[in-house]
Amino acid sequence: MKPKDYFDSVAKEYSKNRTKGIHGYFANKELKLVMKFLDVKKGEKILDAGCGSGLYCNIIKKLGGNPYGIDISEKMIKNLKKNKIQGKIANIENFSLKKKFDKSLSVGVFEFIKNQDSAIKSIKKHLKKNGTLVVHYPRKSI
């Protein structure tokens, strides 16, 4: 199954299922670490590349940042927009926006990408000079 098809199929319950059991335990640890590195400041424009249903975007918004999400899954972007967060269906490897961001994050995405160099280049061209990129690339096993 292609990643897009998989994430479309789990979009409805994705955020809820991410908080349960052992997966929830590790997801919470991941969240705290990523947010520490991201260090959101009020008014910062932050790109969430591979945003899923918007877990990080929602937190960024609550902290006063201006999140924008991209994801390959149409259903994930629909969930994001339900929370009044801007986003676009896009492939992280070759997306193009007419926007620049102060920071970008990509969490739990790179293990699904065929060309990681292209993804980094796509994200980099959307960062302002001296912008920050936070990437979490999980190991394949616990």
C-alpha atoms as a PDB file:
ATOM      1  CA  MET A   1       0.000   0.000   0.000  1.00  0.00           C
ATOM      2  CA  LYS A   2       1.328   3.437  -0.898  1.00  0.00           C
ATOM      3  CA  PRO A   3       1.859   5.874   2.009  1.00  0.00           C
ATOM      4  CA  LYS A   4      -0.813   8.235   0.622  1.00  0.00           C
ATOM      5  CA  ASP A   5      -3.393   5.443   0.524  1.00  0.00           C
ATOM      6  CA  TYR A   6      -2.463   4.235   4.002  1.00  0.00           C
ATOM      7  CA  PHE A   7      -2.711   7.695   5.576  1.00  0.00           C
ATOM      8  CA  ASP A   8      -5.981   8.427   3.786  1.00  0.00           C
ATOM      9  CA  SER A   9      -7.361   5.183   5.252  1.00  0.00           C
ATOM     10  CA  VAL A  10      -6.358   6.009   8.853  1.00  0.00           C
ATOM     11  CA  ALA A  11      -6.952   9.780   8.794  1.00  0.00           C
ATOM     12  CA  LYS A  12     -10.243   9.737  10.702  1.00  0.00           C
ATOM     13  CA  GLU A  13      -8.797   8.160  13.876  1.00  0.00           C
ATOM     14  CA  TYR A  14      -5.119   9.060  13.392  1.00  0.00           C
ATOM     15  CA  SER A  15      -4.692  11.625  16.177  1.00  0.00           C
ATOM     16  CA  LYS A  16      -6.690   9.566  18.680  1.00  0.00           C
ATOM     17  CA  ASN A  17      -4.793   6.356  17.935  1.00  0.00           C
ATOM     18  CA  ARG A  18      -1.453   8.141  18.245  1.00  0.00           C
ATOM     19  CA  THR A  19      -2.083   8.750  21.949  1.00  0.00           C
ATOM     20  CA  LYS A  20      -2.821   5.160  22.999  1.00  0.00           C
ATOM     21  CA  GLY A  21      -0.640   2.453  24.515  1.00  0.00           C
ATOM     22  CA  ILE A  22       3.085   2.124  23.899  1.00  0.00           C
ATOM     23  CA  HIS A  23       2.794   4.190  20.732  1.00  0.00           C
ATOM     24  CA  GLY A  24       1.260   6.989  22.801  1.00  0.00           C
ATOM     25  CA  TYR A  25       4.066   6.789  25.343  1.00  0.00           C
ATOM     26  CA  PHE A  26       6.747   7.234  22.681  1.00  0.00           C
ATOM     27  CA  ALA A  27       4.701   9.811  20.757  1.00  0.00           C
ATOM     28  CA  ASN A  28       4.475  11.944  23.909  1.00  0.00           C
ATOM     29  CA  LYS A  29       8.233  11.743  24.494  1.00  0.00           C
ATOM     30  CA  GLU A  30       8.803  12.634  20.836  1.00  0.00           C
ATOM     31  CA  LEU A  31       6.411  15.577  21.072  1.00  0.00           C
ATOM     32  CA  LYS A  32       8.160  17.093  24.088  1.00  0.00           C
ATOM     33  CA  LEU A  33      11.579  16.769  22.470  1.00  0.00           C
ATOM     34  CA  VAL A  34      10.494  18.173  19.099  1.00  0.00           C
ATOM     35  CA  MET A  35       8.735  21.145  20.715  1.00  0.00           C
ATOM     36  CA  LYS A  36      11.818  21.890  22.809  1.00  0.00           C
ATOM     37  CA  PHE A  37      13.970  22.066  19.666  1.00  0.00           C
ATOM     38  CA  LEU A  38      11.322  23.992  17.713  1.00  0.00           C
ATOM     39  CA  ASP A  39      11.048  26.624  20.479  1.00  0.00           C
ATOM     40  CA  VAL A  40       7.986  28.387  19.067  1.00  0.00           C
ATOM     41  CA  LYS A  41       7.916  32.169  19.371  1.00  0.00           C
ATOM     42  CA  LYS A  42       4.772  34.268  18.994  1.00  0.00           C
ATOM     43  CA  GLY A  43       4.103  35.216  15.377  1.00  0.00           C
ATOM     44  CA  GLU A  44       6.614  32.805  13.819  1.00  0.00           C
ATOM     45  CA  LYS A  45       5.560  31.232  10.545  1.00  0.00           C
ATOM     46  CA  ILE A  46       6.173  27.501  10.851  1.00  0.00           C
ATOM     47  CA  LEU A  47       5.847  24.855   8.143  1.00  0.00           C
ATOM     48  CA  ASP A  48       4.862  21.369   9.247  1.00  0.00           C
ATOM     49  CA  ALA A  49       6.046  19.192   6.357  1.00  0.00           C
ATOM     50  CA  GLY A  50       4.122  15.942   6.642  1.00  0.00           C
ATOM     51  CA  CYS A  51       1.639  17.426   9.101  1.00  0.00           C
ATOM     52  CA  GLY A  52      -0.760  14.509   9.265  1.00  0.00           C
ATOM     53  CA  SER A  53      -3.987  15.571  10.948  1.00  0.00           C
ATOM     54  CA  GLY A  54      -2.292  18.519  12.621  1.00  0.00           C
ATOM     55  CA  LEU A  55      -1.032  17.486  16.054  1.00  0.00           C
ATOM     56  CA  TYR A  56       2.004  19.772  15.904  1.00  0.00           C
ATOM     57  CA  CYS A  57       0.161  22.520  14.007  1.00  0.00           C
ATOM     58  CA  ASN A  58      -2.437  22.711  16.786  1.00  0.00           C
ATOM     59  CA  ILE A  59       0.250  23.049  19.449  1.00  0.00           C
ATOM     60  CA  ILE A  60       2.132  25.676  17.416  1.00  0.00           C
ATOM     61  CA  LYS A  61      -1.107  27.647  17.053  1.00  0.00           C
ATOM     62  CA  LYS A  62      -1.800  27.469  20.810  1.00  0.00           C
ATOM     63  CA  LEU A  63       1.730  28.769  21.481  1.00  0.00           C
ATOM     64  CA  GLY A  64       1.125  31.801  19.261  1.00  0.00           C
ATOM     65  CA  GLY A  65       2.866  30.610  16.113  1.00  0.00           C
ATOM     66  CA  ASN A  66       1.377  30.605  12.620  1.00  0.00           C
ATOM     67  CA  PRO A  67       1.420  26.999  11.395  1.00  0.00           C
ATOM     68  CA  TYR A  68       1.007  25.850   7.806  1.00  0.00           C
ATOM     69  CA  GLY A  69       0.808  22.146   7.019  1.00  0.00           C
ATOM     70  CA  ILE A  70       1.525  20.059   3.969  1.00  0.00           C
ATOM     71  CA  ASP A  71       0.741  16.381   3.635  1.00  0.00           C
ATOM     72  CA  ILE A  72       0.337  13.912   0.794  1.00  0.00           C
ATOM     73  CA  SER A  73      -2.998  12.751   2.234  1.00  0.00           C
ATOM     74  CA  GLU A  74      -6.071  14.714   1.201  1.00  0.00           C
ATOM     75  CA  LYS A  75      -8.000  13.427   4.216  1.00  0.00           C
ATOM     76  CA  MET A  76      -5.267  14.532   6.641  1.00  0.00           C
ATOM     77  CA  ILE A  77      -5.372  18.054   5.168  1.00  0.00           C
ATOM     78  CA  LYS A  78      -9.164  18.084   5.522  1.00  0.00           C
ATOM     79  CA  ASN A  79      -8.729  17.243   9.224  1.00  0.00           C
ATOM     80  CA  LEU A  80      -6.134  20.013   9.557  1.00  0.00           C
ATOM     81  CA  LYS A  81      -8.449  22.594   8.011  1.00  0.00           C
ATOM     82  CA  LYS A  82     -11.276  21.625  10.388  1.00  0.00           C
ATOM     83  CA  ASN A  83      -9.094  23.212  13.089  1.00  0.00           C
ATOM     84  CA  LYS A  84      -8.801  26.443  11.083  1.00  0.00           C
ATOM     85  CA  ILE A  85      -5.183  25.796  10.120  1.00  0.00           C
ATOM     86  CA  GLN A  86      -3.994  26.474   6.600  1.00  0.00           C
ATOM     87  CA  GLY A  87      -2.545  23.637   4.601  1.00  0.00           C
ATOM     88  CA  LYS A  88      -2.099  22.081   1.213  1.00  0.00           C
ATOM     89  CA  ILE A  89      -1.997  18.597  -0.263  1.00  0.00           C
ATOM     90  CA  ALA A  90       1.607  18.264  -1.396  1.00  0.00           C
ATOM     91  CA  ASN A  91       4.448  15.808  -1.794  1.00  0.00           C
ATOM     92  CA  ILE A  92       7.293  16.751   0.538  1.00  0.00           C
ATOM     93  CA  GLU A  93       9.838  15.725  -2.112  1.00  0.00           C
ATOM     94  CA  ASN A  94       8.850  18.385  -4.639  1.00  0.00           C
ATOM     95  CA  PHE A  95       6.330  20.858  -3.230  1.00  0.00           C
ATOM     96  CA  SER A  96       6.271  24.526  -4.101  1.00  0.00           C
ATOM     97  CA  LEU A  97       4.609  27.272  -2.101  1.00  0.00           C
ATOM     98  CA  LYS A  98       4.829  31.009  -2.523  1.00  0.00           C
ATOM     99  CA  LYS A  99       5.704  31.344   1.146  1.00  0.00           C
ATOM    100  CA  LYS A 100       8.793  31.524   3.336  1.00  0.00           C
ATOM    101  CA  PHE A 101       8.865  30.273   6.894  1.00  0.00           C
ATOM    102  CA  ASP A 102      10.895  31.068  10.010  1.00  0.00           C
ATOM    103  CA  LYS A 103      10.998  27.409  10.959  1.00  0.00           C
ATOM    104  CA  SER A 104       9.971  24.030   9.647  1.00  0.00           C
ATOM    105  CA  LEU A 105       9.474  20.663  11.245  1.00  0.00           C
ATOM    106  CA  SER A 106       9.060  17.196   9.866  1.00  0.00           C
ATOM    107  CA  VAL A 107       8.160  14.461  12.313  1.00  0.00           C
ATOM    108  CA  GLY A 108       7.703  10.803  11.438  1.00  0.00           C
ATOM    109  CA  VAL A 109       7.810  11.479   7.709  1.00  0.00           C
ATOM    110  CA  PHE A 110      11.258  10.727   6.367  1.00  0.00           C
ATOM    111  CA  GLU A 111      10.923   6.981   6.781  1.00  0.00           C
ATOM    112  CA  PHE A 112       8.181   7.084   4.114  1.00  0.00           C
ATOM    113  CA  ILE A 113      10.093   9.206   1.598  1.00  0.00           C
ATOM    114  CA  LYS A 114      11.930   7.744  -1.376  1.00  0.00           C
ATOM    115  CA  ASN A 115      14.199  10.728  -2.042  1.00  0.00           C
ATOM    116  CA  GLN A 116      15.131  12.344   1.255  1.00  0.00           C
ATOM    117  CA  ASP A 117      17.615  14.745  -0.357  1.00  0.00           C
ATOM    118  CA  SER A 118      14.842  16.190  -2.529  1.00  0.00           C
ATOM    119  CA  ALA A 119      12.627  16.607   0.529  1.00  0.00           C
ATOM    120  CA  ILE A 120      15.333  18.520   2.417  1.00  0.00           C
ATOM    121  CA  LYS A 121      15.926  20.756  -0.620  1.00  0.00           C
ATOM    122  CA  SER A 122      12.193  21.445  -0.960  1.00  0.00           C
ATOM    123  CA  ILE A 123      11.910  22.384   2.699  1.00  0.00           C
ATOM    124  CA  LYS A 124      15.095  24.479   2.616  1.00  0.00           C
ATOM    125  CA  LYS A 125      13.877  26.627  -0.285  1.00  0.00           C
ATOM    126  CA  HIS A 126      10.855  27.563   1.860  1.00  0.00           C
ATOM    127  CA  LEU A 127      12.899  28.650   4.884  1.00  0.00           C
ATOM    128  CA  LYS A 128      13.925  32.244   5.448  1.00  0.00           C
ATOM    129  CA  LYS A 129      17.652  32.957   5.699  1.00  0.00           C
ATOM    130  CA  ASN A 130      18.935  31.416   8.947  1.00  0.00           C
ATOM    131  CA  GLY A 131      15.657  29.516   9.338  1.00  0.00           C
ATOM    132  CA  THR A 132      15.454  26.445  11.552  1.00  0.00           C
ATOM    133  CA  LEU A 133      14.593  22.907  10.470  1.00  0.00           C
ATOM    134  CA  VAL A 134      13.672  20.270  13.046  1.00  0.00           C
ATOM    135  CA  VAL A 135      13.470  16.691  11.768  1.00  0.00           C
ATOM    136  CA  HIS A 136      12.589  13.632  13.799  1.00  0.00           C
ATOM    137  CA  TYR A 137      13.588  10.433  12.084  1.00  0.00           C
ATOM    138  CA  PRO A 138      12.616   7.445  14.228  1.00  0.00           C
ATOM    139  CA  ARG A 139      14.514   4.218  14.382  1.00  0.00           C
ATOM    140  CA  LYS A 140      12.901   1.166  12.861  1.00  0.00           C
ATOM    141  CA  SER A 141      12.638  -0.623  16.212  1.00  0.00           C
ATOM    142  CA  ILE A 142      12.199   0.209  19.858  1.00  0.00           C
END
